[in-house]
Amino acid sequence: MAVPVRVHAFSGDVPESADTAALRAGVHVVVGTPGRVYAYLMDSNDLKLDSIKLLVLDEADRMLDRGFKDQIYDIFASCPPRDMQVALFTYTMPEEALALAAKFMVAPVTILLKREELTLDGKKQYYIPVEREEWKLDTLCDVFEALPYAIVVYCNTRAKVDWLVERMTSREFAVSDVREFHLGGTSRMIITTDLLARGIDTDRVSVVINYDLPLTFENYLHRISRTSSSPRGVAINFITTDDVGFMRDIEAHFGTSIPELPADLATQF
């Protein structure tokens, strides 16, 4: 007779008492952020890894980039040295991910995308010149009103996301969080960071807006890849004077062209 698999997900909106009760009742699979898992591992006897069989680190490039490196290393170090399988998934392979793999994985099997598959071919990309940072908000409102499509807006920090959500809401624009978007919410815009947006249903996304230009080539590729493969998939970059240099670097790195968005937006879809 099959035994039901019991899964518990650590979440910031769940009381710690609920997490503790679930762990003490017994679970087969635990899912959580490095910070939450680390806290239970170090501060509680309710989460034990001595009999763990599989440890998965998803989105390793973003986890390591977001300051979880020391916690992730401690979690790995707390696991038994043998009889455990490790699976590490990463969109790009930074040095930190390579070091983690070398230290905690034994003869790992590596599956890589060919570089030619990491391309922006077929993606329509444009920029809108925005002379001053504070003018981006009005620009975003104008674009939102002009385009009747699902839009993902990227910012580089969670603080900027929270600020922009509050400003858009105060102007009576309907904005969803990632969870509402996944559940088919009525809003057609989400505002997010790179980390929170992983796994978005790209079939619903026609427009990606870089409110902040990302800091790396890899993040630019990831964001632009969020647009659907339909002809309506378009990426728009808000570019200040300080961003022009890096935008040109992006063009050179990917062998692509990012022209200024024409005044008639509708013609691009």
C-alpha atoms as a PDB file:
ATOM      1  CA  MET A   1       0.000   0.000   0.000  1.00  0.00           C
ATOM      2  CA  ALA A   2       1.403   3.370  -1.015  1.00  0.00           C
ATOM      3  CA  VAL A   3       2.212   5.811   1.787  1.00  0.00           C
ATOM      4  CA  PRO A   4       1.076   9.414   1.161  1.00  0.00           C
ATOM      5  CA  VAL A   5       3.995  11.799   0.875  1.00  0.00           C
ATOM      6  CA  ARG A   6       3.797  14.543   3.485  1.00  0.00           C
ATOM      7  CA  VAL A   7       5.279  17.864   2.350  1.00  0.00           C
ATOM      8  CA  HIS A   8       5.741  21.057   4.354  1.00  0.00           C
ATOM      9  CA  ALA A   9       6.671  24.430   2.870  1.00  0.00           C
ATOM     10  CA  PHE A  10       8.271  27.071   5.039  1.00  0.00           C
ATOM     11  CA  SER A  11       6.708  30.417   4.218  1.00  0.00           C
ATOM     12  CA  GLY A  12       7.072  33.890   5.637  1.00  0.00           C
ATOM     13  CA  ASP A  13       3.316  34.248   6.133  1.00  0.00           C
ATOM     14  CA  VAL A  14       2.996  31.028   8.160  1.00  0.00           C
ATOM     15  CA  PRO A  15       3.464  31.243  11.963  1.00  0.00           C
ATOM     16  CA  GLU A  16       6.522  29.441  13.302  1.00  0.00           C
ATOM     17  CA  SER A  17       4.232  27.415  15.562  1.00  0.00           C
ATOM     18  CA  ALA A  18       2.613  25.907  12.457  1.00  0.00           C
ATOM     19  CA  ASP A  19       6.030  25.004  11.045  1.00  0.00           C
ATOM     20  CA  THR A  20       7.034  23.382  14.326  1.00  0.00           C
ATOM     21  CA  ALA A  21       3.794  21.397  14.564  1.00  0.00           C
ATOM     22  CA  ALA A  22       4.200  20.105  11.004  1.00  0.00           C
ATOM     23  CA  LEU A  23       7.797  19.013  11.580  1.00  0.00           C
ATOM     24  CA  ARG A  24       6.977  17.255  14.829  1.00  0.00           C
ATOM     25  CA  ALA A  25       4.103  15.430  13.142  1.00  0.00           C
ATOM     26  CA  GLY A  26       6.587  14.107  10.590  1.00  0.00           C
ATOM     27  CA  VAL A  27       7.151  15.068   6.972  1.00  0.00           C
ATOM     28  CA  HIS A  28       8.954  13.494   4.038  1.00  0.00           C
ATOM     29  CA  VAL A  29       9.793  16.664   2.119  1.00  0.00           C
ATOM     30  CA  VAL A  30      10.635  20.151   3.373  1.00  0.00           C
ATOM     31  CA  VAL A  31      10.682  23.146   1.016  1.00  0.00           C
ATOM     32  CA  GLY A  32      11.906  26.562   2.074  1.00  0.00           C
ATOM     33  CA  THR A  33      14.244  29.488   1.641  1.00  0.00           C
ATOM     34  CA  PRO A  34      17.826  29.098   2.894  1.00  0.00           C
ATOM     35  CA  GLY A  35      17.202  31.614   5.671  1.00  0.00           C
ATOM     36  CA  ARG A  36      14.134  29.851   7.086  1.00  0.00           C
ATOM     37  CA  VAL A  37      15.651  26.377   6.783  1.00  0.00           C
ATOM     38  CA  TYR A  38      18.879  27.585   8.377  1.00  0.00           C
ATOM     39  CA  ALA A  39      17.018  29.137  11.308  1.00  0.00           C
ATOM     40  CA  TYR A  40      15.197  25.894  12.088  1.00  0.00           C
ATOM     41  CA  LEU A  41      18.307  23.831  11.579  1.00  0.00           C
ATOM     42  CA  MET A  42      20.435  25.917  13.931  1.00  0.00           C
ATOM     43  CA  ASP A  43      17.870  27.072  16.499  1.00  0.00           C
ATOM     44  CA  SER A  44      15.566  24.070  16.797  1.00  0.00           C
ATOM     45  CA  ASN A  45      15.738  20.312  17.200  1.00  0.00           C
ATOM     46  CA  ASP A  46      12.625  19.886  15.083  1.00  0.00           C
ATOM     47  CA  LEU A  47      14.452  19.849  11.749  1.00  0.00           C
ATOM     48  CA  LYS A  48      17.034  17.082  11.518  1.00  0.00           C
ATOM     49  CA  LEU A  49      19.076  16.253   8.429  1.00  0.00           C
ATOM     50  CA  ASP A  50      20.904  13.162   9.672  1.00  0.00           C
ATOM     51  CA  SER A  51      18.716  10.829   7.573  1.00  0.00           C
ATOM     52  CA  ILE A  52      18.224  13.084   4.546  1.00  0.00           C
ATOM     53  CA  LYS A  53      18.366  11.332   1.167  1.00  0.00           C
ATOM     54  CA  LEU A  54      18.092  14.217  -1.289  1.00  0.00           C
ATOM     55  CA  LEU A  55      19.090  17.873  -1.017  1.00  0.00           C
ATOM     56  CA  VAL A  56      17.975  20.183  -3.830  1.00  0.00           C
ATOM     57  CA  LEU A  57      19.155  23.750  -4.304  1.00  0.00           C
ATOM     58  CA  ASP A  58      17.004  25.426  -6.942  1.00  0.00           C
ATOM     59  CA  GLU A  59      17.918  28.753  -8.553  1.00  0.00           C
ATOM     60  CA  ALA A  60      21.402  28.397  -7.101  1.00  0.00           C
ATOM     61  CA  ASP A  61      22.761  31.390  -8.985  1.00  0.00           C
ATOM     62  CA  ARG A  62      20.173  33.705  -7.398  1.00  0.00           C
ATOM     63  CA  MET A  63      20.408  32.095  -3.960  1.00  0.00           C
ATOM     64  CA  LEU A  64      24.157  32.600  -3.832  1.00  0.00           C
ATOM     65  CA  ASP A  65      23.880  36.089  -5.289  1.00  0.00           C
ATOM     66  CA  ARG A  66      21.372  37.198  -2.640  1.00  0.00           C
ATOM     67  CA  GLY A  67      23.642  36.803   0.351  1.00  0.00           C
ATOM     68  CA  PHE A  68      22.613  33.274   1.395  1.00  0.00           C
ATOM     69  CA  LYS A  69      26.057  31.823   0.673  1.00  0.00           C
ATOM     70  CA  ASP A  70      27.154  31.239   4.284  1.00  0.00           C
ATOM     71  CA  GLN A  71      23.777  29.784   5.276  1.00  0.00           C
ATOM     72  CA  ILE A  72      23.741  27.448   2.276  1.00  0.00           C
ATOM     73  CA  TYR A  73      27.240  26.210   3.110  1.00  0.00           C
ATOM     74  CA  ASP A  74      26.196  25.561   6.723  1.00  0.00           C
ATOM     75  CA  ILE A  75      23.108  23.655   5.583  1.00  0.00           C
ATOM     76  CA  PHE A  76      25.195  21.466   3.288  1.00  0.00           C
ATOM     77  CA  ALA A  77      27.769  20.924   6.031  1.00  0.00           C
ATOM     78  CA  SER A  78      25.010  19.745   8.418  1.00  0.00           C
ATOM     79  CA  CYS A  79      23.994  16.914   6.107  1.00  0.00           C
ATOM     80  CA  PRO A  80      25.462  13.410   6.357  1.00  0.00           C
ATOM     81  CA  PRO A  81      28.550  13.013   4.165  1.00  0.00           C
ATOM     82  CA  ARG A  82      27.322   9.791   2.554  1.00  0.00           C
ATOM     83  CA  ASP A  83      24.177   8.274   1.117  1.00  0.00           C
ATOM     84  CA  MET A  84      22.781  11.641   0.093  1.00  0.00           C
ATOM     85  CA  GLN A  85      22.082  12.811  -3.426  1.00  0.00           C
ATOM     86  CA  VAL A  86      22.618  16.473  -4.221  1.00  0.00           C
ATOM     87  CA  ALA A  87      20.850  18.243  -7.088  1.00  0.00           C
ATOM     88  CA  LEU A  88      21.877  21.790  -7.937  1.00  0.00           C
ATOM     89  CA  PHE A  89      19.861  23.760 -10.496  1.00  0.00           C
ATOM     90  CA  THR A  90      21.049  27.097 -11.808  1.00  0.00           C
ATOM     91  CA  TYR A  91      20.147  29.276 -14.777  1.00  0.00           C
ATOM     92  CA  THR A  92      23.740  30.454 -15.051  1.00  0.00           C
ATOM     93  CA  MET A  93      26.872  28.975 -13.481  1.00  0.00           C
ATOM     94  CA  PRO A  94      28.726  31.645 -11.483  1.00  0.00           C
ATOM     95  CA  GLU A  95      31.975  30.897  -9.653  1.00  0.00           C
ATOM     96  CA  GLU A  96      30.110  30.560  -6.349  1.00  0.00           C
ATOM     97  CA  ALA A  97      27.922  27.778  -7.751  1.00  0.00           C
ATOM     98  CA  LEU A  98      30.950  25.970  -9.164  1.00  0.00           C
ATOM     99  CA  ALA A  99      32.694  26.180  -5.791  1.00  0.00           C
ATOM    100  CA  LEU A 100      29.614  24.832  -4.018  1.00  0.00           C
ATOM    101  CA  ALA A 101      29.368  21.935  -6.451  1.00  0.00           C
ATOM    102  CA  ALA A 102      33.054  21.098  -6.088  1.00  0.00           C
ATOM    103  CA  LYS A 103      32.890  21.057  -2.290  1.00  0.00           C
ATOM    104  CA  PHE A 104      29.698  19.110  -1.674  1.00  0.00           C
ATOM    105  CA  MET A 105      29.116  16.966  -4.774  1.00  0.00           C
ATOM    106  CA  VAL A 106      30.985  13.776  -5.689  1.00  0.00           C
ATOM    107  CA  ALA A 107      31.530  13.152  -9.400  1.00  0.00           C
ATOM    108  CA  PRO A 108      28.432  15.145 -10.372  1.00  0.00           C
ATOM    109  CA  VAL A 109      26.720  14.724 -13.713  1.00  0.00           C
ATOM    110  CA  THR A 110      26.571  18.103 -15.426  1.00  0.00           C
ATOM    111  CA  ILE A 111      23.848  19.010 -17.918  1.00  0.00           C
ATOM    112  CA  LEU A 112      24.418  22.337 -19.661  1.00  0.00           C
ATOM    113  CA  LEU A 113      22.565  24.287 -22.299  1.00  0.00           C
ATOM    114  CA  LYS A 114      24.625  25.013 -25.362  1.00  0.00           C
ATOM    115  CA  ARG A 115      25.689  28.632 -25.502  1.00  0.00           C
ATOM    116  CA  GLU A 116      23.831  29.122 -28.775  1.00  0.00           C
ATOM    117  CA  GLU A 117      20.625  28.213 -26.932  1.00  0.00           C
ATOM    118  CA  LEU A 118      21.200  31.138 -24.556  1.00  0.00           C
ATOM    119  CA  THR A 119      20.194  33.771 -27.026  1.00  0.00           C
ATOM    120  CA  LEU A 120      17.959  36.767 -27.464  1.00  0.00           C
ATOM    121  CA  ASP A 121      17.184  35.901 -31.073  1.00  0.00           C
ATOM    122  CA  GLY A 122      13.539  36.535 -31.871  1.00  0.00           C
ATOM    123  CA  LYS A 123      13.004  38.792 -28.863  1.00  0.00           C
ATOM    124  CA  LYS A 124      11.903  42.332 -29.650  1.00  0.00           C
ATOM    125  CA  GLN A 125      13.849  44.738 -27.450  1.00  0.00           C
ATOM    126  CA  TYR A 126      13.505  48.495 -27.144  1.00  0.00           C
ATOM    127  CA  TYR A 127      14.508  51.276 -24.817  1.00  0.00           C
ATOM    128  CA  ILE A 128      12.755  54.408 -23.633  1.00  0.00           C
ATOM    129  CA  PRO A 129      15.097  57.260 -22.688  1.00  0.00           C
ATOM    130  CA  VAL A 130      14.200  58.592 -19.246  1.00  0.00           C
ATOM    131  CA  GLU A 131      16.322  61.587 -18.328  1.00  0.00           C
ATOM    132  CA  ARG A 132      15.677  61.413 -14.595  1.00  0.00           C
ATOM    133  CA  GLU A 133      14.989  58.462 -12.295  1.00  0.00           C
ATOM    134  CA  GLU A 134      11.883  60.081 -10.807  1.00  0.00           C
ATOM    135  CA  TRP A 135      10.297  60.299 -14.269  1.00  0.00           C
ATOM    136  CA  LYS A 136      10.193  56.521 -14.641  1.00  0.00           C
ATOM    137  CA  LEU A 137       6.936  56.261 -12.677  1.00  0.00           C
ATOM    138  CA  ASP A 138       5.011  58.447 -15.094  1.00  0.00           C
ATOM    139  CA  THR A 139       6.583  56.600 -18.009  1.00  0.00           C
ATOM    140  CA  LEU A 140       5.435  53.273 -16.593  1.00  0.00           C
ATOM    141  CA  CYS A 141       1.891  54.568 -16.178  1.00  0.00           C
ATOM    142  CA  ASP A 142       1.870  55.755 -19.795  1.00  0.00           C
ATOM    143  CA  VAL A 143       3.089  52.376 -21.089  1.00  0.00           C
ATOM    144  CA  PHE A 144       0.600  50.477 -18.953  1.00  0.00           C
ATOM    145  CA  GLU A 145      -2.309  52.529 -20.258  1.00  0.00           C
ATOM    146  CA  ALA A 146      -1.158  52.140 -23.863  1.00  0.00           C
ATOM    147  CA  LEU A 147      -0.677  48.351 -23.844  1.00  0.00           C
ATOM    148  CA  PRO A 148      -3.541  45.947 -23.030  1.00  0.00           C
ATOM    149  CA  TYR A 149      -1.203  43.030 -22.329  1.00  0.00           C
ATOM    150  CA  ALA A 150       0.205  41.137 -19.348  1.00  0.00           C
ATOM    151  CA  ILE A 151       3.303  42.954 -18.094  1.00  0.00           C
ATOM    152  CA  VAL A 152       6.139  42.024 -15.742  1.00  0.00           C
ATOM    153  CA  VAL A 153       8.077  44.963 -14.308  1.00  0.00           C
ATOM    154  CA  TYR A 154      11.535  44.276 -12.904  1.00  0.00           C
ATOM    155  CA  CYS A 155      13.292  46.256 -10.182  1.00  0.00           C
ATOM    156  CA  ASN A 156      16.699  45.489  -8.705  1.00  0.00           C
ATOM    157  CA  THR A 157      15.678  45.562  -5.033  1.00  0.00           C
ATOM    158  CA  ARG A 158      12.711  44.459  -2.941  1.00  0.00           C
ATOM    159  CA  ALA A 159      12.548  47.969  -1.451  1.00  0.00           C
ATOM    160  CA  LYS A 160      12.073  49.432  -4.932  1.00  0.00           C
ATOM    161  CA  VAL A 161       9.379  46.825  -5.668  1.00  0.00           C
ATOM    162  CA  ASP A 162       7.459  47.758  -2.516  1.00  0.00           C
ATOM    163  CA  TRP A 163       7.802  51.469  -3.291  1.00  0.00           C
ATOM    164  CA  LEU A 164       6.604  51.059  -6.882  1.00  0.00           C
ATOM    165  CA  VAL A 165       3.667  48.848  -5.924  1.00  0.00           C
ATOM    166  CA  GLU A 166       2.545  51.476  -3.419  1.00  0.00           C
ATOM    167  CA  ARG A 167       2.854  54.286  -5.975  1.00  0.00           C
ATOM    168  CA  MET A 168       1.014  52.395  -8.701  1.00  0.00           C
ATOM    169  CA  THR A 169      -1.735  51.372  -6.295  1.00  0.00           C
ATOM    170  CA  SER A 170      -2.145  54.957  -5.091  1.00  0.00           C
ATOM    171  CA  ARG A 171      -2.761  55.922  -8.716  1.00  0.00           C
ATOM    172  CA  GLU A 172      -5.477  53.237  -8.889  1.00  0.00           C
ATOM    173  CA  PHE A 173      -3.597  50.829 -11.128  1.00  0.00           C
ATOM    174  CA  ALA A 174      -4.295  47.167 -10.355  1.00  0.00           C
ATOM    175  CA  VAL A 175      -1.016  45.415  -9.557  1.00  0.00           C
ATOM    176  CA  SER A 176      -0.651  41.738  -8.579  1.00  0.00           C
ATOM    177  CA  ASP A 177       1.990  39.989  -6.559  1.00  0.00           C
ATOM    178  CA  VAL A 178       3.609  36.846  -7.952  1.00  0.00           C
ATOM    179  CA  ARG A 179       1.231  34.462  -6.154  1.00  0.00           C
ATOM    180  CA  GLU A 180      -1.881  36.226  -7.465  1.00  0.00           C
ATOM    181  CA  PHE A 181      -0.429  36.197 -10.973  1.00  0.00           C
ATOM    182  CA  HIS A 182       0.184  32.442 -10.783  1.00  0.00           C
ATOM    183  CA  LEU A 183      -3.396  31.909  -9.646  1.00  0.00           C
ATOM    184  CA  GLY A 184      -4.759  33.788 -12.635  1.00  0.00           C
ATOM    185  CA  GLY A 185      -5.496  37.074 -10.881  1.00  0.00           C
ATOM    186  CA  THR A 186      -7.368  39.776 -12.733  1.00  0.00           C
ATOM    187  CA  SER A 187      -4.449  42.203 -12.743  1.00  0.00           C
ATOM    188  CA  ARG A 188      -2.244  42.174 -15.813  1.00  0.00           C
ATOM    189  CA  MET A 189       0.851  43.667 -14.152  1.00  0.00           C
ATOM    190  CA  ILE A 190       3.232  42.304 -11.562  1.00  0.00           C
ATOM    191  CA  ILE A 191       6.212  44.164 -10.135  1.00  0.00           C
ATOM    192  CA  THR A 192       9.017  41.962  -8.928  1.00  0.00           C
ATOM    193  CA  THR A 193      12.711  41.298  -8.458  1.00  0.00           C
ATOM    194  CA  ASP A 194      14.658  38.667 -10.376  1.00  0.00           C
ATOM    195  CA  LEU A 195      14.450  36.247  -7.461  1.00  0.00           C
ATOM    196  CA  LEU A 196      10.699  36.428  -6.879  1.00  0.00           C
ATOM    197  CA  ALA A 197       9.866  36.145 -10.563  1.00  0.00           C
ATOM    198  CA  ARG A 198      11.470  32.760 -11.163  1.00  0.00           C
ATOM    199  CA  GLY A 199       8.955  30.284 -12.525  1.00  0.00           C
ATOM    200  CA  ILE A 200       6.436  32.810 -13.860  1.00  0.00           C
ATOM    201  CA  ASP A 201       4.088  31.361 -16.487  1.00  0.00           C
ATOM    202  CA  THR A 202       5.639  32.901 -19.590  1.00  0.00           C
ATOM    203  CA  ASP A 203       2.600  32.113 -21.732  1.00  0.00           C
ATOM    204  CA  ARG A 204       0.775  34.946 -19.957  1.00  0.00           C
ATOM    205  CA  VAL A 205       3.597  37.477 -20.292  1.00  0.00           C
ATOM    206  CA  SER A 206       3.671  39.626 -23.417  1.00  0.00           C
ATOM    207  CA  VAL A 207       5.738  42.547 -22.113  1.00  0.00           C
ATOM    208  CA  VAL A 208       8.782  42.742 -19.842  1.00  0.00           C
ATOM    209  CA  ILE A 209       9.785  46.161 -18.555  1.00  0.00           C
ATOM    210  CA  ASN A 210      13.171  46.738 -16.987  1.00  0.00           C
ATOM    211  CA  TYR A 211      12.295  49.600 -14.657  1.00  0.00           C
ATOM    212  CA  ASP A 212      15.855  49.135 -13.426  1.00  0.00           C
ATOM    213  CA  LEU A 213      18.363  47.815 -15.926  1.00  0.00           C
ATOM    214  CA  PRO A 214      19.789  44.591 -14.439  1.00  0.00           C
ATOM    215  CA  LEU A 215      23.331  44.509 -13.138  1.00  0.00           C
ATOM    216  CA  THR A 216      24.577  41.504 -15.144  1.00  0.00           C
ATOM    217  CA  PHE A 217      24.287  40.070 -18.632  1.00  0.00           C
ATOM    218  CA  GLU A 218      22.884  36.843 -17.188  1.00  0.00           C
ATOM    219  CA  ASN A 219      20.044  38.656 -15.441  1.00  0.00           C
ATOM    220  CA  TYR A 220      19.200  40.549 -18.604  1.00  0.00           C
ATOM    221  CA  LEU A 221      18.941  37.277 -20.519  1.00  0.00           C
ATOM    222  CA  HIS A 222      16.770  35.757 -17.810  1.00  0.00           C
ATOM    223  CA  ARG A 223      14.385  38.719 -17.714  1.00  0.00           C
ATOM    224  CA  ILE A 224      13.960  39.000 -21.451  1.00  0.00           C
ATOM    225  CA  SER A 225      13.340  35.254 -21.653  1.00  0.00           C
ATOM    226  CA  ARG A 226      10.220  35.781 -19.524  1.00  0.00           C
ATOM    227  CA  THR A 227       8.335  37.113 -22.546  1.00  0.00           C
ATOM    228  CA  SER A 228       6.218  34.620 -24.417  1.00  0.00           C
ATOM    229  CA  SER A 229       7.440  33.127 -27.665  1.00  0.00           C
ATOM    230  CA  SER A 230       4.495  34.652 -29.502  1.00  0.00           C
ATOM    231  CA  PRO A 231       5.039  37.597 -31.867  1.00  0.00           C
ATOM    232  CA  ARG A 232       3.697  39.880 -29.132  1.00  0.00           C
ATOM    233  CA  GLY A 233       6.671  39.233 -26.835  1.00  0.00           C
ATOM    234  CA  VAL A 234       8.420  42.587 -26.270  1.00  0.00           C
ATOM    235  CA  ALA A 235      11.012  43.860 -23.796  1.00  0.00           C
ATOM    236  CA  ILE A 236      11.230  47.553 -22.889  1.00  0.00           C
ATOM    237  CA  ASN A 237      14.141  49.086 -20.991  1.00  0.00           C
ATOM    238  CA  PHE A 238      13.876  52.369 -19.098  1.00  0.00           C
ATOM    239  CA  ILE A 239      17.272  53.957 -19.739  1.00  0.00           C
ATOM    240  CA  THR A 240      18.753  56.920 -17.899  1.00  0.00           C
ATOM    241  CA  THR A 241      21.967  58.614 -18.976  1.00  0.00           C
ATOM    242  CA  ASP A 242      23.917  56.410 -16.545  1.00  0.00           C
ATOM    243  CA  ASP A 243      22.480  53.252 -18.139  1.00  0.00           C
ATOM    244  CA  VAL A 244      23.484  53.942 -21.736  1.00  0.00           C
ATOM    245  CA  GLY A 245      26.970  52.463 -21.401  1.00  0.00           C
ATOM    246  CA  PHE A 246      25.790  49.143 -19.972  1.00  0.00           C
ATOM    247  CA  MET A 247      22.992  48.898 -22.513  1.00  0.00           C
ATOM    248  CA  ARG A 248      25.592  49.154 -25.266  1.00  0.00           C
ATOM    249  CA  ASP A 249      27.619  46.457 -23.488  1.00  0.00           C
ATOM    250  CA  ILE A 250      24.528  44.216 -23.518  1.00  0.00           C
ATOM    251  CA  GLU A 251      24.128  44.750 -27.256  1.00  0.00           C
ATOM    252  CA  ALA A 252      27.760  43.825 -27.847  1.00  0.00           C
ATOM    253  CA  HIS A 253      27.689  40.808 -25.526  1.00  0.00           C
ATOM    254  CA  PHE A 254      24.598  39.219 -27.100  1.00  0.00           C
ATOM    255  CA  GLY A 255      25.148  40.495 -30.625  1.00  0.00           C
ATOM    256  CA  THR A 256      21.788  42.199 -30.572  1.00  0.00           C
ATOM    257  CA  SER A 257      20.304  45.624 -31.200  1.00  0.00           C
ATOM    258  CA  ILE A 258      18.131  47.641 -28.802  1.00  0.00           C
ATOM    259  CA  PRO A 259      16.567  50.560 -30.693  1.00  0.00           C
ATOM    260  CA  GLU A 260      14.482  53.326 -29.163  1.00  0.00           C
ATOM    261  CA  LEU A 261      10.807  52.414 -28.824  1.00  0.00           C
ATOM    262  CA  PRO A 262       8.734  54.065 -31.562  1.00  0.00           C
ATOM    263  CA  ALA A 263       6.083  56.527 -30.441  1.00  0.00           C
ATOM    264  CA  ASP A 264       3.307  54.293 -31.762  1.00  0.00           C
ATOM    265  CA  LEU A 265       3.552  51.353 -29.357  1.00  0.00           C
ATOM    266  CA  ALA A 266       0.724  49.405 -30.978  1.00  0.00           C
ATOM    267  CA  THR A 267       2.745  48.840 -34.138  1.00  0.00           C
ATOM    268  CA  GLN A 268       5.253  46.716 -32.205  1.00  0.00           C
ATOM    269  CA  PHE A 269       2.748  44.010 -31.256  1.00  0.00           C
END
